[in-house]
Amino acid sequence: MKLEDLEADREVNPTSPLPIPEKEICDRYEQIFSAAVNDALREKRLTNQTLPNGLIPLRDEMKAAGFAFTIKGAKNLTLKNEMAERAKMLDDISENSFVVWDTSLDRESAHWGECMTMAAQRKNCRGAVVDGGVRDTDRVLDLGFPVWIRYRSSNGMLGRFRISSWQTPIQMGDVIVRPGDLIFADIDGALCVPRNLSVEILIRAEEIANGESELKQWIREGMSAQEIVARGGYF
């Protein structure tokens, strides 16, 4: 089999250079909203970049952008070295990252909690989207760390679930997330922007967001929907 192209597609460099600093990119994404980012992706024919719709923020006002730090795991009853492996994963989290956790559809364990939040914050991680559960919810909320999850549960992972890898490509729903891709999430869910397009999509999304201010002014002025569309507006 000739797999060179597929292998190249799956190889990742989460620190490949970008034309502006990572922190500035993240900060600017956090000034806009996911619909504008989604529309910018659609213009590039990237129509399957939305992470599963069931992933919701712990608080409606939460918003975050960062570069994907991917985690993969599954149900597993073994305990030997589990905590040591988990600790190594947490120590590998980098500044301006955004944890993206593929749980292999586990719906029993809480994969995120207070101490994990504190460890991520210490590394200046910007948020987490976990296709699973959270516990210590009140204390995670007190820490003010943006988290998107499926459910809440008091079930700790130990003896129920095990991390198998991190910083490898993962798939959540229809979306392949590679380490270093840009993750943006707000009240309407989470999106994955390919790293090499993160600045281009940002600039276009900013234009879309700014353009909506003009569109809304047309509506306030009493312009008809057809007149607005004729001017290039949309609904």
C-alpha atoms as a PDB file:
ATOM      1  CA  MET A   1       0.000   0.000   0.000  1.00  0.00           C
ATOM      2  CA  LYS A   2       1.130   3.548  -0.743  1.00  0.00           C
ATOM      3  CA  LEU A   3       0.401   5.519   2.401  1.00  0.00           C
ATOM      4  CA  GLU A   4       2.871   8.378   2.104  1.00  0.00           C
ATOM      5  CA  ASP A   5       0.204  11.033   1.497  1.00  0.00           C
ATOM      6  CA  LEU A   6      -1.948   9.797   4.377  1.00  0.00           C
ATOM      7  CA  GLU A   7       1.061   9.646   6.684  1.00  0.00           C
ATOM      8  CA  ALA A   8       2.008  13.205   5.735  1.00  0.00           C
ATOM      9  CA  ASP A   9      -1.547  14.359   6.420  1.00  0.00           C
ATOM     10  CA  ARG A  10      -1.479  12.810   9.881  1.00  0.00           C
ATOM     11  CA  GLU A  11       1.958  14.152  10.790  1.00  0.00           C
ATOM     12  CA  VAL A  12       1.646  17.307  12.849  1.00  0.00           C
ATOM     13  CA  ASN A  13       3.816  20.160  14.038  1.00  0.00           C
ATOM     14  CA  PRO A  14       1.924  21.926  16.818  1.00  0.00           C
ATOM     15  CA  THR A  15       4.510  24.705  16.918  1.00  0.00           C
ATOM     16  CA  SER A  16       4.775  25.497  13.193  1.00  0.00           C
ATOM     17  CA  PRO A  17       5.375  29.261  12.900  1.00  0.00           C
ATOM     18  CA  LEU A  18       2.528  31.730  12.491  1.00  0.00           C
ATOM     19  CA  PRO A  19       2.774  35.317  11.179  1.00  0.00           C
ATOM     20  CA  ILE A  20       1.592  36.888  14.452  1.00  0.00           C
ATOM     21  CA  PRO A  21       2.128  35.778  18.066  1.00  0.00           C
ATOM     22  CA  GLU A  22      -0.082  32.973  19.355  1.00  0.00           C
ATOM     23  CA  LYS A  23      -1.343  35.027  22.289  1.00  0.00           C
ATOM     24  CA  GLU A  24      -2.477  37.843  20.001  1.00  0.00           C
ATOM     25  CA  ILE A  25      -4.306  35.352  17.788  1.00  0.00           C
ATOM     26  CA  CYS A  26      -6.124  33.884  20.783  1.00  0.00           C
ATOM     27  CA  ASP A  27      -6.967  37.274  22.261  1.00  0.00           C
ATOM     28  CA  ARG A  28      -8.425  38.498  18.969  1.00  0.00           C
ATOM     29  CA  TYR A  29     -10.544  35.384  18.479  1.00  0.00           C
ATOM     30  CA  GLU A  30     -11.986  35.963  21.938  1.00  0.00           C
ATOM     31  CA  GLN A  31     -13.228  39.396  20.813  1.00  0.00           C
ATOM     32  CA  ILE A  32     -15.537  37.888  18.164  1.00  0.00           C
ATOM     33  CA  PHE A  33     -18.106  35.068  18.145  1.00  0.00           C
ATOM     34  CA  SER A  34     -18.340  31.529  16.815  1.00  0.00           C
ATOM     35  CA  ALA A  35     -20.931  32.244  14.108  1.00  0.00           C
ATOM     36  CA  ALA A  36     -18.532  34.679  12.418  1.00  0.00           C
ATOM     37  CA  VAL A  37     -15.720  32.115  12.592  1.00  0.00           C
ATOM     38  CA  ASN A  38     -18.015  29.399  11.239  1.00  0.00           C
ATOM     39  CA  ASP A  39     -19.085  31.623   8.339  1.00  0.00           C
ATOM     40  CA  ALA A  40     -15.448  32.382   7.528  1.00  0.00           C
ATOM     41  CA  LEU A  41     -14.686  28.655   7.492  1.00  0.00           C
ATOM     42  CA  ARG A  42     -17.645  28.044   5.180  1.00  0.00           C
ATOM     43  CA  GLU A  43     -16.222  30.531   2.670  1.00  0.00           C
ATOM     44  CA  LYS A  44     -13.146  28.274   2.514  1.00  0.00           C
ATOM     45  CA  ARG A  45     -15.436  25.237   1.933  1.00  0.00           C
ATOM     46  CA  LEU A  46     -14.662  23.979   5.435  1.00  0.00           C
ATOM     47  CA  THR A  47     -18.179  23.037   6.483  1.00  0.00           C
ATOM     48  CA  ASN A  48     -17.394  20.264   8.985  1.00  0.00           C
ATOM     49  CA  GLN A  49     -15.310  22.040  11.609  1.00  0.00           C
ATOM     50  CA  THR A  50     -17.900  22.149  14.399  1.00  0.00           C
ATOM     51  CA  LEU A  51     -17.260  19.846  17.346  1.00  0.00           C
ATOM     52  CA  PRO A  52     -20.289  17.791  18.484  1.00  0.00           C
ATOM     53  CA  ASN A  53     -23.290  19.955  19.321  1.00  0.00           C
ATOM     54  CA  GLY A  54     -23.789  18.395  22.741  1.00  0.00           C
ATOM     55  CA  LEU A  55     -20.635  20.048  24.086  1.00  0.00           C
ATOM     56  CA  ILE A  56     -21.786  23.009  26.159  1.00  0.00           C
ATOM     57  CA  PRO A  57     -20.012  25.521  28.418  1.00  0.00           C
ATOM     58  CA  LEU A  58     -20.292  25.297  32.180  1.00  0.00           C
ATOM     59  CA  ARG A  59     -21.429  28.925  32.055  1.00  0.00           C
ATOM     60  CA  ASP A  60     -23.155  30.576  29.103  1.00  0.00           C
ATOM     61  CA  GLU A  61     -20.766  33.540  29.114  1.00  0.00           C
ATOM     62  CA  MET A  62     -17.644  31.388  28.774  1.00  0.00           C
ATOM     63  CA  LYS A  63     -15.533  32.055  25.692  1.00  0.00           C
ATOM     64  CA  ALA A  64     -12.013  30.874  24.906  1.00  0.00           C
ATOM     65  CA  ALA A  65      -9.533  30.391  22.085  1.00  0.00           C
ATOM     66  CA  GLY A  66      -6.300  28.427  22.121  1.00  0.00           C
ATOM     67  CA  PHE A  67      -4.192  25.901  20.263  1.00  0.00           C
ATOM     68  CA  ALA A  68      -5.264  22.284  20.529  1.00  0.00           C
ATOM     69  CA  PHE A  69      -3.601  20.066  23.104  1.00  0.00           C
ATOM     70  CA  THR A  70      -5.212  16.746  22.237  1.00  0.00           C
ATOM     71  CA  ILE A  71      -5.910  13.859  24.608  1.00  0.00           C
ATOM     72  CA  LYS A  72      -7.203  10.383  23.766  1.00  0.00           C
ATOM     73  CA  GLY A  73      -8.521   7.791  26.206  1.00  0.00           C
ATOM     74  CA  ALA A  74     -11.132   5.090  26.769  1.00  0.00           C
ATOM     75  CA  LYS A  75     -12.747   2.941  29.436  1.00  0.00           C
ATOM     76  CA  ASN A  76     -10.078   0.913  31.220  1.00  0.00           C
ATOM     77  CA  LEU A  77     -10.169  -0.767  34.629  1.00  0.00           C
ATOM     78  CA  THR A  78      -6.393  -0.968  35.187  1.00  0.00           C
ATOM     79  CA  LEU A  79      -4.639   1.314  37.664  1.00  0.00           C
ATOM     80  CA  LYS A  80      -0.899   0.614  37.426  1.00  0.00           C
ATOM     81  CA  ASN A  81       1.040   3.811  36.573  1.00  0.00           C
ATOM     82  CA  GLU A  82      -2.201   5.544  35.598  1.00  0.00           C
ATOM     83  CA  MET A  83      -1.666   8.560  37.830  1.00  0.00           C
ATOM     84  CA  ALA A  84       1.966   8.940  36.753  1.00  0.00           C
ATOM     85  CA  GLU A  85       0.903   8.971  33.101  1.00  0.00           C
ATOM     86  CA  ARG A  86      -1.839  11.479  33.860  1.00  0.00           C
ATOM     87  CA  ALA A  87       0.662  13.739  35.619  1.00  0.00           C
ATOM     88  CA  LYS A  88       3.050  13.621  32.660  1.00  0.00           C
ATOM     89  CA  MET A  89       0.218  14.625  30.349  1.00  0.00           C
ATOM     90  CA  LEU A  90      -0.643  17.604  32.539  1.00  0.00           C
ATOM     91  CA  ASP A  91       2.988  18.704  32.669  1.00  0.00           C
ATOM     92  CA  ASP A  92       3.131  18.658  28.855  1.00  0.00           C
ATOM     93  CA  ILE A  93       0.330  21.232  28.504  1.00  0.00           C
ATOM     94  CA  SER A  94       1.747  24.463  27.075  1.00  0.00           C
ATOM     95  CA  GLU A  95       0.932  28.160  27.203  1.00  0.00           C
ATOM     96  CA  ASN A  96      -1.994  29.327  25.023  1.00  0.00           C
ATOM     97  CA  SER A  97      -3.170  25.749  24.597  1.00  0.00           C
ATOM     98  CA  PHE A  98      -6.757  24.490  24.573  1.00  0.00           C
ATOM     99  CA  VAL A  99      -7.319  20.950  25.840  1.00  0.00           C
ATOM    100  CA  VAL A 100      -9.399  18.819  23.453  1.00  0.00           C
ATOM    101  CA  TRP A 101     -10.296  15.452  24.974  1.00  0.00           C
ATOM    102  CA  ASP A 102     -11.565  12.482  22.952  1.00  0.00           C
ATOM    103  CA  THR A 103     -13.006  10.015  25.486  1.00  0.00           C
ATOM    104  CA  SER A 104     -14.015   7.340  22.946  1.00  0.00           C
ATOM    105  CA  LEU A 105     -17.635   8.205  23.858  1.00  0.00           C
ATOM    106  CA  ASP A 106     -17.248   7.209  27.508  1.00  0.00           C
ATOM    107  CA  ARG A 107     -20.325   8.413  29.382  1.00  0.00           C
ATOM    108  CA  GLU A 108     -19.530   7.150  32.891  1.00  0.00           C
ATOM    109  CA  SER A 109     -16.470   9.008  34.180  1.00  0.00           C
ATOM    110  CA  ALA A 110     -15.762  12.614  35.002  1.00  0.00           C
ATOM    111  CA  HIS A 111     -12.670  13.413  32.941  1.00  0.00           C
ATOM    112  CA  TRP A 112     -12.132  16.933  34.265  1.00  0.00           C
ATOM    113  CA  GLY A 113     -12.144  18.372  37.779  1.00  0.00           C
ATOM    114  CA  GLU A 114     -10.793  20.971  40.161  1.00  0.00           C
ATOM    115  CA  CYS A 115      -7.176  19.794  40.485  1.00  0.00           C
ATOM    116  CA  MET A 116      -6.846  19.230  36.740  1.00  0.00           C
ATOM    117  CA  THR A 117      -8.186  22.740  36.204  1.00  0.00           C
ATOM    118  CA  MET A 118      -5.603  24.171  38.592  1.00  0.00           C
ATOM    119  CA  ALA A 119      -2.795  22.286  36.827  1.00  0.00           C
ATOM    120  CA  ALA A 120      -3.957  23.552  33.426  1.00  0.00           C
ATOM    121  CA  GLN A 121      -4.241  27.130  34.671  1.00  0.00           C
ATOM    122  CA  ARG A 122      -0.714  26.935  36.067  1.00  0.00           C
ATOM    123  CA  LYS A 123       0.485  26.209  32.515  1.00  0.00           C
ATOM    124  CA  ASN A 124      -1.535  29.172  31.148  1.00  0.00           C
ATOM    125  CA  CYS A 125      -3.895  26.882  29.277  1.00  0.00           C
ATOM    126  CA  ARG A 126      -6.876  28.864  27.968  1.00  0.00           C
ATOM    127  CA  GLY A 127      -9.714  26.314  28.089  1.00  0.00           C
ATOM    128  CA  ALA A 128     -10.835  22.710  27.715  1.00  0.00           C
ATOM    129  CA  VAL A 129     -13.436  20.902  25.647  1.00  0.00           C
ATOM    130  CA  VAL A 130     -14.079  17.417  26.986  1.00  0.00           C
ATOM    131  CA  ASP A 131     -16.313  14.926  25.170  1.00  0.00           C
ATOM    132  CA  GLY A 132     -17.292  13.556  28.547  1.00  0.00           C
ATOM    133  CA  GLY A 133     -17.850  14.652  32.127  1.00  0.00           C
ATOM    134  CA  VAL A 134     -16.740  17.095  34.779  1.00  0.00           C
ATOM    135  CA  ARG A 135     -16.827  16.883  38.564  1.00  0.00           C
ATOM    136  CA  ASP A 136     -16.047  19.372  41.342  1.00  0.00           C
ATOM    137  CA  THR A 137     -18.257  21.607  39.231  1.00  0.00           C
ATOM    138  CA  ASP A 138     -18.756  24.357  41.791  1.00  0.00           C
ATOM    139  CA  ARG A 139     -15.021  24.623  42.411  1.00  0.00           C
ATOM    140  CA  VAL A 140     -14.172  24.561  38.706  1.00  0.00           C
ATOM    141  CA  LEU A 141     -16.643  27.413  38.273  1.00  0.00           C
ATOM    142  CA  ASP A 142     -15.007  29.315  41.129  1.00  0.00           C
ATOM    143  CA  LEU A 143     -11.673  29.050  39.312  1.00  0.00           C
ATOM    144  CA  GLY A 144     -13.169  30.775  36.267  1.00  0.00           C
ATOM    145  CA  PHE A 145     -11.637  28.322  33.792  1.00  0.00           C
ATOM    146  CA  PRO A 146     -13.625  27.916  30.537  1.00  0.00           C
ATOM    147  CA  VAL A 147     -14.764  24.288  30.102  1.00  0.00           C
ATOM    148  CA  TRP A 148     -17.139  22.642  27.615  1.00  0.00           C
ATOM    149  CA  ILE A 149     -18.495  19.227  28.592  1.00  0.00           C
ATOM    150  CA  ARG A 150     -21.279  16.683  27.980  1.00  0.00           C
ATOM    151  CA  TYR A 151     -22.405  16.041  31.556  1.00  0.00           C
ATOM    152  CA  ARG A 152     -21.583  16.227  35.271  1.00  0.00           C
ATOM    153  CA  SER A 153     -20.705  13.226  37.438  1.00  0.00           C
ATOM    154  CA  SER A 154     -18.890  12.492  40.690  1.00  0.00           C
ATOM    155  CA  ASN A 155     -17.223   9.401  39.120  1.00  0.00           C
ATOM    156  CA  GLY A 156     -13.453   9.855  39.094  1.00  0.00           C
ATOM    157  CA  MET A 157     -11.483   8.349  36.200  1.00  0.00           C
ATOM    158  CA  LEU A 158      -9.201   6.135  38.287  1.00  0.00           C
ATOM    159  CA  GLY A 159     -10.198   2.498  37.795  1.00  0.00           C
ATOM    160  CA  ARG A 160     -12.800   3.423  35.182  1.00  0.00           C
ATOM    161  CA  PHE A 161     -11.011   5.253  32.369  1.00  0.00           C
ATOM    162  CA  ARG A 162      -7.448   5.662  31.166  1.00  0.00           C
ATOM    163  CA  ILE A 163      -5.579   8.117  28.982  1.00  0.00           C
ATOM    164  CA  SER A 164      -3.888   6.324  26.088  1.00  0.00           C
ATOM    165  CA  SER A 165      -2.102   9.161  24.267  1.00  0.00           C
ATOM    166  CA  TRP A 166      -1.822  12.897  23.934  1.00  0.00           C
ATOM    167  CA  GLN A 167      -0.676  15.328  21.273  1.00  0.00           C
ATOM    168  CA  THR A 168      -1.763  13.009  18.463  1.00  0.00           C
ATOM    169  CA  PRO A 169      -4.547  13.619  15.912  1.00  0.00           C
ATOM    170  CA  ILE A 170      -7.992  12.764  17.296  1.00  0.00           C
ATOM    171  CA  GLN A 171     -11.497  12.715  15.885  1.00  0.00           C
ATOM    172  CA  MET A 172     -14.495  14.208  17.665  1.00  0.00           C
ATOM    173  CA  GLY A 173     -17.699  13.714  15.733  1.00  0.00           C
ATOM    174  CA  ASP A 174     -16.862  14.493  12.112  1.00  0.00           C
ATOM    175  CA  VAL A 175     -13.908  16.707  12.984  1.00  0.00           C
ATOM    176  CA  ILE A 176     -10.262  15.668  12.912  1.00  0.00           C
ATOM    177  CA  VAL A 177      -8.366  17.785  15.442  1.00  0.00           C
ATOM    178  CA  ARG A 178      -4.598  17.971  15.137  1.00  0.00           C
ATOM    179  CA  PRO A 179      -2.279  19.267  17.844  1.00  0.00           C
ATOM    180  CA  GLY A 180      -1.774  22.976  17.285  1.00  0.00           C
ATOM    181  CA  ASP A 181      -5.053  23.597  15.460  1.00  0.00           C
ATOM    182  CA  LEU A 182      -6.930  26.662  16.687  1.00  0.00           C
ATOM    183  CA  ILE A 183      -9.904  25.875  18.926  1.00  0.00           C
ATOM    184  CA  PHE A 184     -12.532  28.541  19.530  1.00  0.00           C
ATOM    185  CA  ALA A 185     -15.576  28.039  21.734  1.00  0.00           C
ATOM    186  CA  ASP A 186     -18.398  30.128  23.132  1.00  0.00           C
ATOM    187  CA  ILE A 187     -22.073  29.750  24.060  1.00  0.00           C
ATOM    188  CA  ASP A 188     -22.837  28.225  20.624  1.00  0.00           C
ATOM    189  CA  GLY A 189     -20.252  25.446  20.865  1.00  0.00           C
ATOM    190  CA  ALA A 190     -16.695  24.751  19.743  1.00  0.00           C
ATOM    191  CA  LEU A 191     -14.932  25.001  16.386  1.00  0.00           C
ATOM    192  CA  CYS A 192     -11.624  23.704  15.053  1.00  0.00           C
ATOM    193  CA  VAL A 193      -9.662  25.933  12.665  1.00  0.00           C
ATOM    194  CA  PRO A 194      -6.694  24.294  10.886  1.00  0.00           C
ATOM    195  CA  ARG A 195      -3.503  25.840  12.233  1.00  0.00           C
ATOM    196  CA  ASN A 196      -2.259  26.975   8.829  1.00  0.00           C
ATOM    197  CA  LEU A 197      -5.514  28.907   8.297  1.00  0.00           C
ATOM    198  CA  SER A 198      -5.901  30.302  11.806  1.00  0.00           C
ATOM    199  CA  VAL A 199      -4.778  33.838  10.938  1.00  0.00           C
ATOM    200  CA  GLU A 200      -6.605  34.014   7.599  1.00  0.00           C
ATOM    201  CA  ILE A 201      -9.847  32.814   9.198  1.00  0.00           C
ATOM    202  CA  LEU A 202      -9.382  35.243  12.086  1.00  0.00           C
ATOM    203  CA  ILE A 203      -9.039  38.247   9.781  1.00  0.00           C
ATOM    204  CA  ARG A 204     -12.071  37.245   7.726  1.00  0.00           C
ATOM    205  CA  ALA A 205     -14.152  36.512  10.843  1.00  0.00           C
ATOM    206  CA  GLU A 206     -13.286  39.962  12.195  1.00  0.00           C
ATOM    207  CA  GLU A 207     -14.523  41.467   8.921  1.00  0.00           C
ATOM    208  CA  ILE A 208     -17.756  39.477   9.168  1.00  0.00           C
ATOM    209  CA  ALA A 209     -18.306  40.511  12.779  1.00  0.00           C
ATOM    210  CA  ASN A 210     -17.701  44.172  11.947  1.00  0.00           C
ATOM    211  CA  GLY A 211     -19.979  43.927   8.900  1.00  0.00           C
ATOM    212  CA  GLU A 212     -22.829  42.709  11.054  1.00  0.00           C
ATOM    213  CA  SER A 213     -22.825  46.030  12.881  1.00  0.00           C
ATOM    214  CA  GLU A 214     -23.683  47.770   9.609  1.00  0.00           C
ATOM    215  CA  LEU A 215     -26.302  45.146   8.756  1.00  0.00           C
ATOM    216  CA  LYS A 216     -28.031  45.617  12.106  1.00  0.00           C
ATOM    217  CA  GLN A 217     -28.055  49.372  11.567  1.00  0.00           C
ATOM    218  CA  TRP A 218     -29.865  48.856   8.241  1.00  0.00           C
ATOM    219  CA  ILE A 219     -32.505  46.827  10.066  1.00  0.00           C
ATOM    220  CA  ARG A 220     -32.921  49.563  12.693  1.00  0.00           C
ATOM    221  CA  GLU A 221     -33.347  52.146   9.933  1.00  0.00           C
ATOM    222  CA  GLY A 222     -36.324  50.207   8.575  1.00  0.00           C
ATOM    223  CA  MET A 223     -34.770  48.809   5.416  1.00  0.00           C
ATOM    224  CA  SER A 224     -36.633  45.789   4.025  1.00  0.00           C
ATOM    225  CA  ALA A 225     -35.068  42.340   4.085  1.00  0.00           C
ATOM    226  CA  GLN A 226     -34.889  42.308   0.284  1.00  0.00           C
ATOM    227  CA  GLU A 227     -33.141  45.690   0.215  1.00  0.00           C
ATOM    228  CA  ILE A 228     -30.619  44.448   2.742  1.00  0.00           C
ATOM    229  CA  VAL A 229     -29.881  41.306   0.731  1.00  0.00           C
ATOM    230  CA  ALA A 230     -29.514  43.428  -2.426  1.00  0.00           C
ATOM    231  CA  ARG A 231     -26.816  45.400  -0.599  1.00  0.00           C
ATOM    232  CA  GLY A 232     -24.962  42.202   0.234  1.00  0.00           C
ATOM    233  CA  GLY A 233     -26.517  41.619   3.628  1.00  0.00           C
ATOM    234  CA  TYR A 234     -27.837  38.341   4.978  1.00  0.00           C
ATOM    235  CA  PHE A 235     -30.015  36.847   7.686  1.00  0.00           C
END
